[in-house]
Protein backbone atom coordinates (compact mmCIF):
# COMPACT_ATOMS: atom_id res chain seq x y z
CA MET A 1 125.40 114.24 90.76
CA ARG A 2 123.71 117.55 89.86
CA ILE A 3 120.53 118.24 91.80
CA ILE A 4 117.60 120.65 91.57
CA LEU A 5 115.95 121.21 94.96
CA LEU A 6 112.29 122.22 94.73
CA GLY A 7 111.11 123.48 98.11
CA PHE A 8 113.32 125.15 100.68
CA GLY A 9 111.33 124.83 103.85
CA ARG A 10 112.25 122.74 106.87
CA VAL A 11 113.06 119.58 104.89
CA GLY A 12 114.86 121.36 102.06
CA GLN A 13 117.01 123.35 104.45
CA SER A 14 117.79 120.23 106.48
CA LEU A 15 118.91 118.52 103.27
CA ALA A 16 121.17 121.46 102.44
CA ARG A 17 122.79 121.24 105.90
CA ILE A 18 123.42 117.51 105.52
CA LEU A 19 124.86 117.83 102.01
CA HIS A 20 127.05 120.74 103.10
CA GLY A 21 128.28 119.13 106.32
CA ASP A 22 128.60 115.54 105.09
CA ALA A 23 130.00 116.15 101.60
CA ASP A 24 133.37 114.51 102.32
CA ARG A 25 131.78 111.50 104.00
CA ILE A 26 129.40 110.94 101.08
CA VAL A 27 132.29 111.09 98.62
CA LYS A 28 134.39 108.63 100.63
CA ALA A 29 131.56 106.22 101.42
CA HIS A 30 129.65 106.28 98.15
CA GLY A 31 131.98 107.66 95.49
CA PHE A 32 130.04 110.72 94.38
CA LYS A 33 129.45 114.32 95.39
CA PRO A 34 125.86 115.62 95.39
CA GLN A 35 125.95 119.10 93.88
CA VAL A 36 122.88 121.33 94.18
CA ILE A 37 122.79 123.55 91.10
CA ALA A 38 119.35 125.13 91.62
CA ILE A 39 116.93 125.81 94.50
CA ILE A 40 113.36 127.07 94.26
CA ASP A 41 111.16 128.27 97.12
CA SER A 42 107.72 129.90 97.10
CA HIS A 43 109.13 133.35 96.28
CA GLY A 44 111.90 132.69 93.77
CA SER A 45 114.97 130.71 92.86
CA CYS A 46 118.74 130.66 92.52
CA GLN A 47 120.83 128.73 90.02
CA ASP A 48 124.51 128.08 89.37
CA GLY A 49 125.69 125.37 87.00
CA GLU A 50 128.94 125.10 88.94
CA GLY A 51 127.11 124.33 92.18
CA LEU A 52 125.53 126.60 94.76
CA ASP A 53 127.19 127.49 98.05
CA LEU A 54 124.75 125.73 100.40
CA ASP A 55 125.97 127.55 103.47
CA LEU A 56 125.32 130.85 101.71
CA ALA A 57 121.93 129.59 100.53
CA LEU A 58 120.93 128.77 104.10
CA LYS A 59 122.11 132.14 105.41
CA THR A 60 120.25 133.91 102.60
CA LYS A 61 117.02 132.08 103.39
CA GLU A 62 117.36 132.84 107.09
CA LYS A 63 118.04 136.54 106.53
CA TYR A 64 115.59 137.33 103.75
CA GLY A 65 113.01 134.53 103.92
CA THR A 66 113.62 133.59 100.30
CA ILE A 67 116.35 132.10 98.18
CA ALA A 68 115.61 134.74 95.53
CA LYS A 69 118.02 137.05 97.40
CA TYR A 70 120.98 134.70 96.81
CA PRO A 71 123.84 137.01 95.66
CA LYS A 72 124.00 137.49 91.87
CA ARG A 73 122.26 134.17 91.17
CA GLY A 74 118.87 134.77 92.75
CA GLN A 75 115.70 135.81 90.94
CA ARG A 76 111.97 136.22 91.54
CA ASP A 77 109.09 134.30 89.99
CA ARG A 78 111.02 131.57 88.22
CA GLU A 79 108.64 128.88 86.93
CA PRO A 80 109.73 125.54 88.45
CA THR A 81 108.73 123.38 85.48
CA ALA A 82 110.65 125.63 83.08
CA LEU A 83 113.77 125.43 85.23
CA VAL A 84 113.44 121.64 85.51
CA SER A 85 112.91 121.07 81.79
CA GLU A 86 115.77 123.38 80.75
CA SER A 87 118.33 122.17 83.30
CA ASP A 88 120.99 119.52 82.72
CA ALA A 89 120.63 118.22 86.30
CA GLU A 90 120.41 114.47 86.77
CA VAL A 91 118.10 114.49 89.81
CA VAL A 92 115.15 116.57 90.99
CA VAL A 93 114.30 116.57 94.71
CA GLU A 94 110.61 117.45 95.20
CA ALA A 95 110.10 118.87 98.70
CA THR A 96 107.22 121.30 98.23
CA PRO A 97 104.21 121.06 100.62
CA SER A 98 101.76 118.19 100.12
CA ASN A 99 98.48 119.11 98.45
CA TYR A 100 95.76 116.43 98.46
CA GLU A 101 93.31 118.37 96.26
CA ASP A 102 95.18 118.33 92.93
CA GLY A 103 98.76 117.52 93.95
CA GLU A 104 100.14 120.82 92.68
CA PRO A 105 102.75 122.17 92.28
CA GLY A 106 104.46 118.87 93.03
CA MET A 107 102.47 116.94 90.43
CA SER A 108 103.66 119.12 87.54
CA ASN A 109 107.19 119.24 88.93
CA ILE A 110 107.48 115.46 89.11
CA LYS A 111 105.86 114.85 85.72
CA THR A 112 108.15 117.39 84.06
CA ALA A 113 111.25 115.91 85.68
CA LEU A 114 110.39 112.35 84.68
CA ALA A 115 109.31 113.33 81.17
CA THR A 116 112.63 115.12 80.58
CA GLY A 117 114.67 112.11 81.70
CA LYS A 118 115.57 113.14 85.24
CA HIS A 119 115.55 110.91 88.30
CA VAL A 120 113.20 112.08 91.05
CA VAL A 121 113.35 111.88 94.83
CA ALA A 122 110.06 113.02 96.37
CA VAL A 123 109.02 113.70 99.95
CA ASN A 124 105.83 115.41 98.80
CA LYS A 125 103.01 112.90 99.37
CA GLY A 126 100.25 114.71 97.42
CA PRO A 127 101.15 113.58 93.88
CA LEU A 128 101.74 110.01 95.04
CA ALA A 129 98.45 109.87 96.94
CA LEU A 130 96.52 111.00 93.86
CA ALA A 131 98.39 109.46 90.92
CA MET A 132 101.09 107.07 92.08
CA PRO A 133 100.43 104.30 89.50
CA ALA A 134 100.66 106.79 86.63
CA LEU A 135 103.85 108.35 87.99
CA LEU A 136 105.50 104.95 88.42
CA GLU A 137 104.53 104.04 84.85
CA LEU A 138 105.97 107.31 83.52
CA ALA A 139 109.26 106.71 85.36
CA ASP A 140 109.43 103.17 83.98
CA HIS A 141 108.65 104.40 80.47
CA ARG A 142 111.38 107.05 80.63
CA LYS A 143 113.79 104.56 82.24
CA VAL A 144 114.55 106.82 85.21
CA LYS A 145 114.44 106.24 88.96
CA PHE A 146 111.59 107.50 91.11
CA ARG A 147 112.23 107.20 94.85
CA PHE A 148 110.21 108.42 97.83
CA SER A 149 111.33 106.63 100.99
CA GLY A 150 110.95 109.81 103.05
CA THR A 151 107.20 109.95 102.38
CA VAL A 152 106.51 107.10 104.82
CA GLY A 153 108.19 107.17 108.21
CA ALA A 154 110.58 110.04 107.41
CA GLY A 155 113.99 108.64 108.34
CA THR A 156 112.63 105.26 109.49
CA PRO A 157 113.07 102.97 106.46
CA PHE A 158 109.62 101.35 106.30
CA LEU A 159 109.61 101.13 102.50
CA SER A 160 113.21 99.96 102.23
CA PHE A 161 112.63 97.34 104.92
CA ALA A 162 109.69 95.86 103.03
CA GLU A 163 111.45 96.00 99.67
CA LYS A 164 114.88 94.71 100.65
CA CYS A 165 114.60 92.80 103.92
CA LEU A 166 111.48 90.83 103.06
CA LYS A 167 112.48 89.67 99.59
CA GLY A 168 111.13 86.21 98.86
CA GLU A 169 108.32 86.62 101.39
CA ARG A 170 104.71 87.43 100.62
CA ILE A 171 103.42 90.36 102.66
CA VAL A 172 99.74 89.68 103.33
CA GLY A 173 98.95 92.67 105.53
CA ILE A 174 100.28 95.92 106.92
CA ARG A 175 99.01 97.87 109.91
CA GLY A 176 100.29 100.50 112.26
CA ILE A 177 100.68 104.14 113.22
CA LEU A 178 101.79 106.40 110.38
CA ASN A 179 101.20 109.89 111.75
CA GLY A 180 103.16 111.33 114.66
CA THR A 181 100.88 114.33 115.21
CA THR A 182 97.76 112.27 115.87
CA ASN A 183 99.71 109.79 117.96
CA TYR A 184 101.00 112.60 120.16
CA VAL A 185 97.52 114.09 120.57
CA LEU A 186 95.96 110.75 121.48
CA THR A 187 98.82 109.93 123.86
CA ARG A 188 98.45 113.24 125.70
CA MET A 189 94.65 112.96 125.85
CA ASP A 190 95.03 109.51 127.37
CA GLU A 191 97.93 110.06 129.77
CA ALA A 192 97.13 113.59 130.93
CA SER A 193 93.31 113.36 130.70
CA ILE A 194 93.11 116.57 128.69
CA SER A 195 90.75 117.49 125.89
CA PHE A 196 91.39 117.05 122.18
CA GLN A 197 91.72 120.81 121.69
CA LYS A 198 94.23 121.20 124.55
CA ALA A 199 96.32 118.27 123.32
CA LEU A 200 96.32 119.66 119.78
CA ALA A 201 97.32 123.14 120.97
CA GLU A 202 100.18 121.58 122.94
CA ALA A 203 101.32 119.67 119.82
CA GLN A 204 101.31 122.92 117.85
CA ARG A 205 103.35 124.76 120.49
CA LYS A 206 105.96 122.00 120.43
CA GLY A 207 106.13 121.97 116.65
CA TYR A 208 104.57 118.51 116.29
CA ALA A 209 101.51 119.90 114.48
CA GLU A 210 101.19 122.46 111.73
CA ALA A 211 99.31 125.74 112.11
CA ASP A 212 96.66 124.05 109.96
CA PRO A 213 96.69 120.45 111.23
CA SER A 214 93.66 119.28 109.27
CA ASN A 215 95.51 116.83 106.99
CA ASP A 216 96.91 115.07 110.07
CA ILE A 217 93.84 115.24 112.31
CA ASN A 218 91.44 114.17 109.55
CA GLY A 219 93.62 111.18 108.62
CA LEU A 220 94.62 112.34 105.13
CA ASP A 221 98.35 112.26 105.83
CA ALA A 222 98.17 108.65 107.06
CA ALA A 223 95.89 107.73 104.15
CA ALA A 224 98.43 109.10 101.66
CA LYS A 225 101.05 106.84 103.23
CA VAL A 226 98.67 103.89 102.93
CA VAL A 227 98.44 104.60 99.19
CA ILE A 228 102.22 104.63 98.88
CA LEU A 229 102.57 101.38 100.82
CA ALA A 230 99.85 99.72 98.76
CA ASN A 231 101.44 100.63 95.44
CA TRP A 232 105.08 100.07 96.35
CA VAL A 233 104.92 97.15 98.77
CA LEU A 234 101.75 95.24 97.84
CA LYS A 235 101.84 96.23 94.15
CA ARG A 236 98.20 97.30 94.26
CA LYS A 237 97.06 100.23 92.13
CA VAL A 238 95.44 102.32 94.84
CA SER A 239 94.75 106.06 95.08
CA LEU A 240 93.47 108.23 97.90
CA ARG A 241 89.83 107.71 96.96
CA ASP A 242 90.22 103.98 97.62
CA VAL A 243 91.09 104.47 101.30
CA ALA A 244 88.34 104.63 103.96
CA VAL A 245 89.39 107.49 106.22
CA GLU A 246 88.25 108.62 109.67
CA GLY A 247 90.17 111.14 111.78
CA ILE A 248 90.56 111.53 115.53
CA SER A 249 88.56 114.66 116.31
CA LYS A 250 85.60 112.64 117.63
CA VAL A 251 87.64 110.50 120.04
CA SER A 252 86.26 111.29 123.50
CA GLN A 253 87.72 111.14 126.98
CA GLU A 254 85.00 108.67 127.89
CA ARG A 255 86.16 106.27 125.18
CA LEU A 256 89.80 106.63 126.19
CA LYS A 257 89.03 105.87 129.83
CA ARG A 258 86.86 102.86 128.97
CA VAL A 259 89.50 101.44 126.63
CA ARG A 260 92.31 102.07 129.10
CA ALA A 261 90.44 100.16 131.80
CA ALA A 262 90.42 97.17 129.46
CA GLY A 263 94.22 97.34 129.02
CA LYS A 264 94.05 98.96 125.62
CA ARG A 265 94.73 102.32 123.93
CA VAL A 266 93.02 104.22 121.13
CA LYS A 267 95.37 104.76 118.19
CA LEU A 268 94.91 106.03 114.64
CA ILE A 269 95.62 102.80 112.78
CA ALA A 270 96.39 102.49 109.08
CA ARG A 271 95.51 99.09 107.58
CA LEU A 272 96.20 97.31 104.33
CA GLY A 273 94.90 93.86 103.51
CA ASP A 274 93.99 91.87 100.42
CA SER A 275 90.91 93.95 99.70
CA ARG A 276 90.81 96.85 102.15
CA ALA A 277 92.64 100.02 102.89
CA SER A 278 91.67 102.15 105.85
CA VAL A 279 92.71 104.73 108.41
CA LYS A 280 90.64 105.06 111.57
CA PRO A 281 90.86 105.16 115.39
CA GLU A 282 91.06 101.61 116.74
CA GLU A 283 91.41 99.97 120.13
CA VAL A 284 94.87 98.42 120.41
CA SER A 285 96.22 96.22 123.20
CA SER A 286 98.87 97.91 125.32
CA SER A 287 101.14 94.93 124.64
CA ASP A 288 100.82 95.23 120.86
CA PRO A 289 104.18 96.28 119.31
CA VAL A 290 102.47 99.05 117.33
CA CYS A 291 101.11 100.63 120.52
CA VAL A 292 103.85 103.24 120.74
CA PRO A 293 103.62 106.61 122.54
CA GLY A 294 104.22 110.22 121.59
CA THR A 295 105.28 111.08 118.07
CA LEU A 296 106.64 107.62 117.22
CA ASN A 297 105.48 105.64 114.21
CA ALA A 298 105.23 101.85 114.16
CA LEU A 299 104.40 99.47 111.33
CA THR A 300 103.78 95.73 111.45
CA PHE A 301 104.26 93.69 108.28
CA THR A 302 102.39 90.40 108.36
CA THR A 303 104.12 87.83 106.17
CA GLU A 304 102.93 84.46 104.94
CA HIS A 305 105.77 82.39 106.40
CA ALA A 306 107.86 84.53 108.80
CA GLY A 307 104.95 85.98 110.78
CA ASP A 308 104.72 89.54 112.03
CA MET A 309 107.63 91.98 111.96
CA THR A 310 107.37 95.46 113.47
CA LEU A 311 109.54 98.48 112.77
CA VAL A 312 109.42 101.49 115.12
CA GLY A 313 110.95 104.93 114.70
CA ALA A 314 110.48 108.65 114.37
CA GLY A 315 107.91 109.33 111.67
CA ALA A 316 108.50 113.02 111.07
CA GLY A 317 111.06 115.81 111.31
CA GLY A 318 113.06 117.87 108.85
CA GLU A 319 116.42 116.26 109.54
CA GLN A 320 114.96 112.74 109.59
CA THR A 321 113.16 113.25 106.29
CA ALA A 322 116.26 114.81 104.74
CA SER A 323 118.26 111.74 105.76
CA ALA A 324 115.81 109.64 103.73
CA ILE A 325 116.43 111.89 100.71
CA VAL A 326 120.16 111.25 101.03
CA ARG A 327 119.44 107.53 101.26
CA ASP A 328 117.46 107.71 98.02
CA LEU A 329 120.18 109.74 96.29
CA VAL A 330 122.77 107.12 97.22
CA GLU A 331 120.49 104.35 95.95
CA ILE A 332 119.87 106.11 92.65
CA ARG A 333 123.60 106.65 92.18
CA HIS A 334 124.37 102.99 92.80
CA GLU A 335 121.53 101.75 90.58
CA TYR A 336 122.34 103.74 87.48
CA LEU A 337 126.03 102.87 87.80
CA ALA A 338 125.26 99.15 88.15
């Protein structure tokens, strides 16, 4: 399986480490060898039709800050869509940063890959949040696979659980915590009685929050995941503008203390029902399965006949998200060989 990797930040590099270190296991367990033939980062690219040396790619990125310095095969200013359209790769992995304004550059990367008959694995939530129905239709029209399990829950298989483990059931509602950054901030505010700003600064120091945490704090990251769940699990054509969103910056210590005295916690809860989609701070009972601490994510699927089922796990992290990419690659391989 020949792969183009678009984005070589934390997730892209984690994927390279897994594919390099687990190559033999993947061959033995799944009967194929993922071969990365091109990598693009924000400063350039490298390409080798025979397969790149991933260990060398990682060392190059660490030393120079860009893959463009890859020996003999690196170059500056390579246009990603041109590389994608001209390549004979079977799969494009889209791991560039999420952009909720226009979805770029991921939107063009995904559209180009699908339009030229390539399977796509995406962990970039921006294009899906803004145009998921259209992207799914394009993939179906071109008869290629479009997978994105790492966009919701990172390595925790929320999407796969709903798709494969709840077959035959009707899912009537989904609710839970879909953003580890906000969950950590609210947990620290509650348990340590510190301010929002102090809790956020602590999350940034520990690497749980980005230098610009606005997409997390304002609820956009969780809302994007609601869109993905709505389209993939509930089969509802929803985009980001259809989700009512409220962030956590206005949650006060007074509210936290009052809620705690009543045996509850304030959590940023994502909800999907028959006619609503929302993300907002809610009061949740301490005994509720979705009331998890720290950076954990938790999602409850309410089914018509089997009742509620809750899945809990890490919702972020480079290695965790990369593991979801590998899961999607294996699934694509098995599906197009079936």
